[in-house]
């Protein structure tokens, strides 16, 4: 979990993903379409990705474990939570506050 905390603190937006996950692709596309440049960690491609996935699942309660989105160091959640924030117009203000988006 310490490694996840460090990774999340390094960038305004962090997405834990898997390269084969269609929901992960959708969330990455959503953020990129806003002009955000998130740190994306493909858990099926990085060393110790499986350990990170287990930490997300067990210690943070993320189910499914990917995609998992952090904004400003805070856990947003998965695809449903990120899309809900977008639909209720809370996502862009959150991204601005974290310094991930300038408009």
N, C-alpha and C. Protein backbone atom coordinates (compact mmCIF):
# COMPACT_ATOMS: atom_id res chain seq x y z
N UNK A 1 0.82 -1.20 0.00
CA UNK A 1 0.00 0.00 0.00
C UNK A 1 0.87 1.26 0.00
N UNK A 2 2.02 1.17 0.61
CA UNK A 2 2.94 2.31 0.65
C UNK A 2 3.34 2.72 -0.77
N UNK A 3 3.54 1.73 -1.62
CA UNK A 3 3.92 2.02 -3.01
C UNK A 3 2.78 2.75 -3.74
N UNK A 4 1.55 2.32 -3.51
CA UNK A 4 0.39 2.97 -4.14
C UNK A 4 0.31 4.42 -3.68
N UNK A 5 0.48 4.65 -2.39
CA UNK A 5 0.42 6.01 -1.84
C UNK A 5 1.47 6.90 -2.49
N UNK A 6 2.68 6.38 -2.67
CA UNK A 6 3.74 7.16 -3.31
C UNK A 6 3.40 7.47 -4.77
N UNK A 7 2.92 6.47 -5.50
CA UNK A 7 2.57 6.66 -6.92
C UNK A 7 1.47 7.71 -7.07
N UNK A 8 0.49 7.66 -6.19
CA UNK A 8 -0.66 8.56 -6.25
C UNK A 8 -0.27 10.00 -5.92
N UNK A 9 0.74 10.16 -5.08
CA UNK A 9 1.13 11.51 -4.66
C UNK A 9 1.98 12.24 -5.70
N UNK A 10 2.45 11.54 -6.71
CA UNK A 10 3.38 12.13 -7.67
C UNK A 10 2.73 12.91 -8.79
N UNK A 11 1.46 12.70 -9.05
CA UNK A 11 0.77 13.39 -10.16
C UNK A 11 -0.64 13.78 -9.74
N UNK A 12 -1.21 14.82 -10.37
CA UNK A 12 -2.57 15.25 -10.01
C UNK A 12 -3.64 14.18 -10.30
N UNK A 13 -3.45 13.42 -11.38
CA UNK A 13 -4.41 12.38 -11.73
C UNK A 13 -3.65 11.09 -11.99
N UNK A 14 -4.08 10.03 -11.31
CA UNK A 14 -3.47 8.72 -11.48
C UNK A 14 -4.56 7.71 -11.76
N UNK A 15 -4.33 6.90 -12.79
CA UNK A 15 -5.29 5.85 -13.15
C UNK A 15 -4.55 4.51 -13.13
N UNK A 16 -5.06 3.58 -12.34
CA UNK A 16 -4.57 2.21 -12.37
C UNK A 16 -5.48 1.45 -13.32
N UNK A 17 -4.88 0.76 -14.27
CA UNK A 17 -5.60 0.20 -15.40
C UNK A 17 -5.04 -1.16 -15.76
N UNK A 18 -5.70 -1.81 -16.69
CA UNK A 18 -5.15 -2.99 -17.37
C UNK A 18 -5.31 -2.75 -18.86
N UNK A 19 -4.31 -3.12 -19.62
CA UNK A 19 -4.31 -2.82 -21.05
C UNK A 19 -5.46 -3.50 -21.79
N UNK A 20 -5.99 -4.57 -21.24
CA UNK A 20 -7.07 -5.30 -21.92
C UNK A 20 -8.47 -4.94 -21.42
N UNK A 21 -8.56 -3.99 -20.50
CA UNK A 21 -9.85 -3.64 -19.89
C UNK A 21 -10.53 -2.52 -20.66
N UNK A 22 -11.72 -2.80 -21.18
CA UNK A 22 -12.43 -1.79 -21.98
C UNK A 22 -12.91 -0.62 -21.13
N UNK A 23 -13.26 -0.85 -19.87
CA UNK A 23 -13.69 0.26 -19.01
C UNK A 23 -12.50 1.16 -18.68
N UNK A 24 -11.33 0.54 -18.49
CA UNK A 24 -10.12 1.34 -18.27
C UNK A 24 -9.85 2.23 -19.47
N UNK A 25 -10.00 1.67 -20.65
CA UNK A 25 -9.79 2.45 -21.88
C UNK A 25 -10.76 3.63 -21.94
N UNK A 26 -12.00 3.40 -21.58
CA UNK A 26 -13.01 4.47 -21.61
C UNK A 26 -12.66 5.59 -20.64
N UNK A 27 -12.20 5.24 -19.46
CA UNK A 27 -11.86 6.25 -18.46
C UNK A 27 -10.62 7.03 -18.89
N UNK A 28 -9.62 6.34 -19.40
CA UNK A 28 -8.41 7.03 -19.89
C UNK A 28 -8.78 7.99 -21.02
N UNK A 29 -9.65 7.56 -21.91
CA UNK A 29 -10.09 8.41 -23.02
C UNK A 29 -10.84 9.64 -22.51
N UNK A 30 -11.71 9.46 -21.52
CA UNK A 30 -12.45 10.57 -20.95
C UNK A 30 -11.49 11.65 -20.43
N UNK A 31 -10.52 11.24 -19.65
CA UNK A 31 -9.58 12.20 -19.09
C UNK A 31 -8.73 12.86 -20.17
N UNK A 32 -8.27 12.10 -21.11
CA UNK A 32 -7.45 12.65 -22.20
C UNK A 32 -8.26 13.62 -23.06
N UNK A 33 -9.54 13.33 -23.27
CA UNK A 33 -10.40 14.23 -24.05
C UNK A 33 -10.58 15.58 -23.35
N UNK A 34 -10.47 15.60 -22.03
CA UNK A 34 -10.52 16.86 -21.28
C UNK A 34 -9.22 17.63 -21.37
N UNK A 35 -8.17 16.98 -21.86
CA UNK A 35 -6.85 17.62 -21.91
C UNK A 35 -6.00 17.31 -20.70
N UNK A 36 -6.44 16.35 -19.90
CA UNK A 36 -5.70 15.93 -18.72
C UNK A 36 -4.65 14.91 -19.16
N UNK A 37 -3.49 14.97 -18.54
CA UNK A 37 -2.42 14.02 -18.84
C UNK A 37 -2.20 13.15 -17.59
N UNK A 38 -3.05 12.12 -17.40
CA UNK A 38 -2.93 11.32 -16.19
C UNK A 38 -1.72 10.40 -16.22
N UNK A 39 -1.24 10.06 -15.03
CA UNK A 39 -0.26 8.98 -14.92
C UNK A 39 -1.07 7.70 -15.00
N UNK A 40 -0.77 6.87 -15.96
CA UNK A 40 -1.50 5.62 -16.15
C UNK A 40 -0.56 4.46 -15.86
N UNK A 41 -0.95 3.63 -14.94
CA UNK A 41 -0.18 2.44 -14.60
C UNK A 41 -0.96 1.21 -15.06
N UNK A 42 -0.44 0.56 -16.08
CA UNK A 42 -1.06 -0.66 -16.61
C UNK A 42 -0.59 -1.82 -15.74
N UNK A 43 -1.45 -2.30 -14.87
CA UNK A 43 -1.07 -3.29 -13.87
C UNK A 43 -0.67 -4.63 -14.47
N UNK A 44 -1.09 -4.89 -15.70
CA UNK A 44 -0.70 -6.14 -16.35
C UNK A 44 0.63 -6.00 -17.11
N UNK A 45 1.23 -4.82 -17.04
CA UNK A 45 2.48 -4.58 -17.78
C UNK A 45 3.63 -4.10 -16.91
N UNK A 46 3.37 -3.68 -15.68
CA UNK A 46 4.44 -3.14 -14.83
C UNK A 46 4.88 -4.17 -13.79
N UNK A 47 6.13 -4.06 -13.34
CA UNK A 47 6.59 -4.95 -12.28
C UNK A 47 5.75 -4.77 -11.02
N UNK A 48 5.44 -5.84 -10.38
CA UNK A 48 4.66 -5.85 -9.14
C UNK A 48 3.24 -5.31 -9.32
N UNK A 49 2.77 -5.32 -10.57
CA UNK A 49 1.41 -4.87 -10.84
C UNK A 49 0.36 -5.67 -10.12
N UNK A 50 0.61 -6.96 -9.99
CA UNK A 50 -0.34 -7.82 -9.30
C UNK A 50 -0.44 -7.44 -7.82
N UNK A 51 0.70 -7.10 -7.20
CA UNK A 51 0.69 -6.66 -5.80
C UNK A 51 -0.10 -5.37 -5.64
N UNK A 52 0.07 -4.46 -6.58
CA UNK A 52 -0.66 -3.19 -6.54
C UNK A 52 -2.15 -3.45 -6.69
N UNK A 53 -2.50 -4.32 -7.62
CA UNK A 53 -3.92 -4.65 -7.83
C UNK A 53 -4.53 -5.24 -6.55
N UNK A 54 -3.80 -6.10 -5.87
CA UNK A 54 -4.30 -6.68 -4.63
C UNK A 54 -4.47 -5.62 -3.55
N UNK A 55 -3.53 -4.68 -3.48
CA UNK A 55 -3.65 -3.59 -2.50
C UNK A 55 -4.88 -2.73 -2.79
N UNK A 56 -5.13 -2.43 -4.05
CA UNK A 56 -6.31 -1.65 -4.42
C UNK A 56 -7.58 -2.38 -4.02
N UNK A 57 -7.59 -3.67 -4.26
CA UNK A 57 -8.77 -4.48 -3.97
C UNK A 57 -8.98 -4.69 -2.47
N UNK A 58 -7.95 -5.15 -1.80
CA UNK A 58 -8.08 -5.53 -0.39
C UNK A 58 -8.09 -4.35 0.57
N UNK A 59 -7.17 -3.43 0.39
CA UNK A 59 -7.01 -2.36 1.37
C UNK A 59 -7.88 -1.15 1.09
N UNK A 60 -8.19 -0.92 -0.17
CA UNK A 60 -9.04 0.23 -0.51
C UNK A 60 -10.46 -0.17 -0.86
N UNK A 61 -10.69 -1.47 -1.04
CA UNK A 61 -12.04 -1.95 -1.34
C UNK A 61 -12.49 -1.69 -2.76
N UNK A 62 -11.55 -1.50 -3.67
CA UNK A 62 -11.90 -1.25 -5.07
C UNK A 62 -12.33 -2.57 -5.72
N UNK A 63 -13.55 -2.60 -6.19
CA UNK A 63 -14.05 -3.81 -6.84
C UNK A 63 -14.96 -3.39 -7.98
N UNK A 64 -14.60 -3.70 -9.22
CA UNK A 64 -13.37 -4.35 -9.65
C UNK A 64 -12.16 -3.45 -9.38
N UNK A 65 -10.99 -4.06 -9.44
CA UNK A 65 -9.77 -3.33 -9.07
C UNK A 65 -9.33 -2.32 -10.12
N UNK A 66 -9.76 -2.48 -11.36
CA UNK A 66 -9.42 -1.51 -12.41
C UNK A 66 -10.67 -1.15 -13.20
N UNK A 67 -10.78 0.03 -13.70
CA UNK A 67 -9.88 1.15 -13.44
C UNK A 67 -10.09 1.70 -12.03
N UNK A 68 -9.02 2.24 -11.47
CA UNK A 68 -9.10 2.96 -10.20
C UNK A 68 -8.50 4.33 -10.43
N UNK A 69 -9.26 5.36 -10.08
CA UNK A 69 -8.86 6.75 -10.35
C UNK A 69 -8.59 7.49 -9.05
N UNK A 70 -7.48 8.21 -9.03
CA UNK A 70 -7.15 9.11 -7.93
C UNK A 70 -7.00 10.51 -8.52
N UNK A 71 -7.59 11.49 -7.86
CA UNK A 71 -7.45 12.89 -8.26
C UNK A 71 -6.99 13.68 -7.05
N UNK A 72 -5.89 14.41 -7.23
CA UNK A 72 -5.35 15.18 -6.11
C UNK A 72 -4.97 14.32 -4.93
N UNK A 73 -4.54 13.10 -5.19
CA UNK A 73 -4.13 12.20 -4.13
C UNK A 73 -5.26 11.48 -3.43
N UNK A 74 -6.48 11.78 -3.82
CA UNK A 74 -7.66 11.19 -3.18
C UNK A 74 -8.29 10.14 -4.08
N UNK A 75 -8.73 9.05 -3.48
CA UNK A 75 -9.41 8.00 -4.23
C UNK A 75 -10.76 8.48 -4.71
N UNK A 76 -10.96 8.45 -6.02
CA UNK A 76 -12.27 8.75 -6.60
C UNK A 76 -13.08 7.47 -6.68
N UNK A 77 -12.43 6.41 -7.15
CA UNK A 77 -13.09 5.12 -7.29
C UNK A 77 -12.88 4.56 -8.68
N UNK A 78 -13.83 3.80 -9.12
CA UNK A 78 -13.73 3.15 -10.42
C UNK A 78 -14.45 3.91 -11.52
N UNK A 79 -14.77 3.19 -12.57
CA UNK A 79 -15.41 3.79 -13.74
C UNK A 79 -16.76 4.40 -13.39
N UNK A 80 -17.56 3.72 -12.59
CA UNK A 80 -18.88 4.25 -12.24
C UNK A 80 -18.78 5.58 -11.50
N UNK A 81 -17.87 5.65 -10.56
CA UNK A 81 -17.72 6.88 -9.78
C UNK A 81 -17.20 8.02 -10.66
N UNK A 82 -16.22 7.74 -11.50
CA UNK A 82 -15.67 8.78 -12.38
C UNK A 82 -16.73 9.28 -13.35
N UNK A 83 -17.49 8.37 -13.93
CA UNK A 83 -18.55 8.78 -14.86
C UNK A 83 -19.67 9.54 -14.14
N UNK A 84 -20.00 9.14 -12.93
CA UNK A 84 -21.01 9.85 -12.16
C UNK A 84 -20.57 11.29 -11.87
N UNK A 85 -19.30 11.46 -11.52
CA UNK A 85 -18.77 12.81 -11.30
C UNK A 85 -18.86 13.64 -12.57
N UNK A 86 -18.56 13.01 -13.69
CA UNK A 86 -18.63 13.71 -14.98
C UNK A 86 -20.08 14.12 -15.28
N UNK A 87 -21.00 13.19 -15.10
CA UNK A 87 -22.39 13.47 -15.45
C UNK A 87 -23.03 14.51 -14.53
N UNK A 88 -22.60 14.57 -13.28
CA UNK A 88 -23.18 15.59 -12.39
C UNK A 88 -22.34 16.87 -12.34
N UNK A 89 -21.41 16.97 -13.31
CA UNK A 89 -20.60 18.17 -13.51
C UNK A 89 -19.67 18.50 -12.34
N UNK A 90 -19.23 17.48 -11.64
CA UNK A 90 -18.29 17.67 -10.54
C UNK A 90 -16.85 17.35 -10.93
N UNK A 91 -16.67 16.62 -12.02
CA UNK A 91 -15.34 16.15 -12.38
C UNK A 91 -14.40 17.28 -12.79
N UNK A 92 -14.85 18.17 -13.65
CA UNK A 92 -13.98 19.26 -14.12
C UNK A 92 -13.55 20.17 -12.97
N UNK A 93 -14.45 20.60 -12.08
CA UNK A 93 -13.98 21.40 -10.94
C UNK A 93 -12.96 20.65 -10.07
N UNK A 94 -13.15 19.35 -9.92
CA UNK A 94 -12.21 18.55 -9.14
C UNK A 94 -10.84 18.51 -9.82
N UNK A 95 -10.84 18.38 -11.14
CA UNK A 95 -9.59 18.36 -11.90
C UNK A 95 -8.88 19.71 -11.83
N UNK A 96 -9.65 20.79 -11.89
CA UNK A 96 -9.07 22.13 -11.78
C UNK A 96 -8.44 22.33 -10.40
N UNK A 97 -9.15 21.92 -9.37
CA UNK A 97 -8.65 22.07 -8.01
C UNK A 97 -7.35 21.30 -7.79
N UNK A 98 -7.23 20.13 -8.44
CA UNK A 98 -6.03 19.30 -8.30
C UNK A 98 -4.88 19.81 -9.16
N UNK A 99 -5.14 20.78 -10.02
CA UNK A 99 -4.09 21.31 -10.90
C UNK A 99 -3.86 20.48 -12.12
N UNK A 100 -4.85 19.65 -12.49
CA UNK A 100 -4.73 18.78 -13.65
C UNK A 100 -5.33 19.40 -14.91
N UNK A 101 -6.06 20.48 -14.72
CA UNK A 101 -6.79 21.07 -15.85
C UNK A 101 -6.81 22.58 -15.69
N UNK A 102 -6.53 23.27 -16.77
CA UNK A 102 -6.56 24.73 -16.77
C UNK A 102 -7.53 25.16 -17.86
N UNK A 103 -8.54 25.89 -17.47
CA UNK A 103 -9.53 26.41 -18.43
C UNK A 103 -9.82 27.86 -18.14
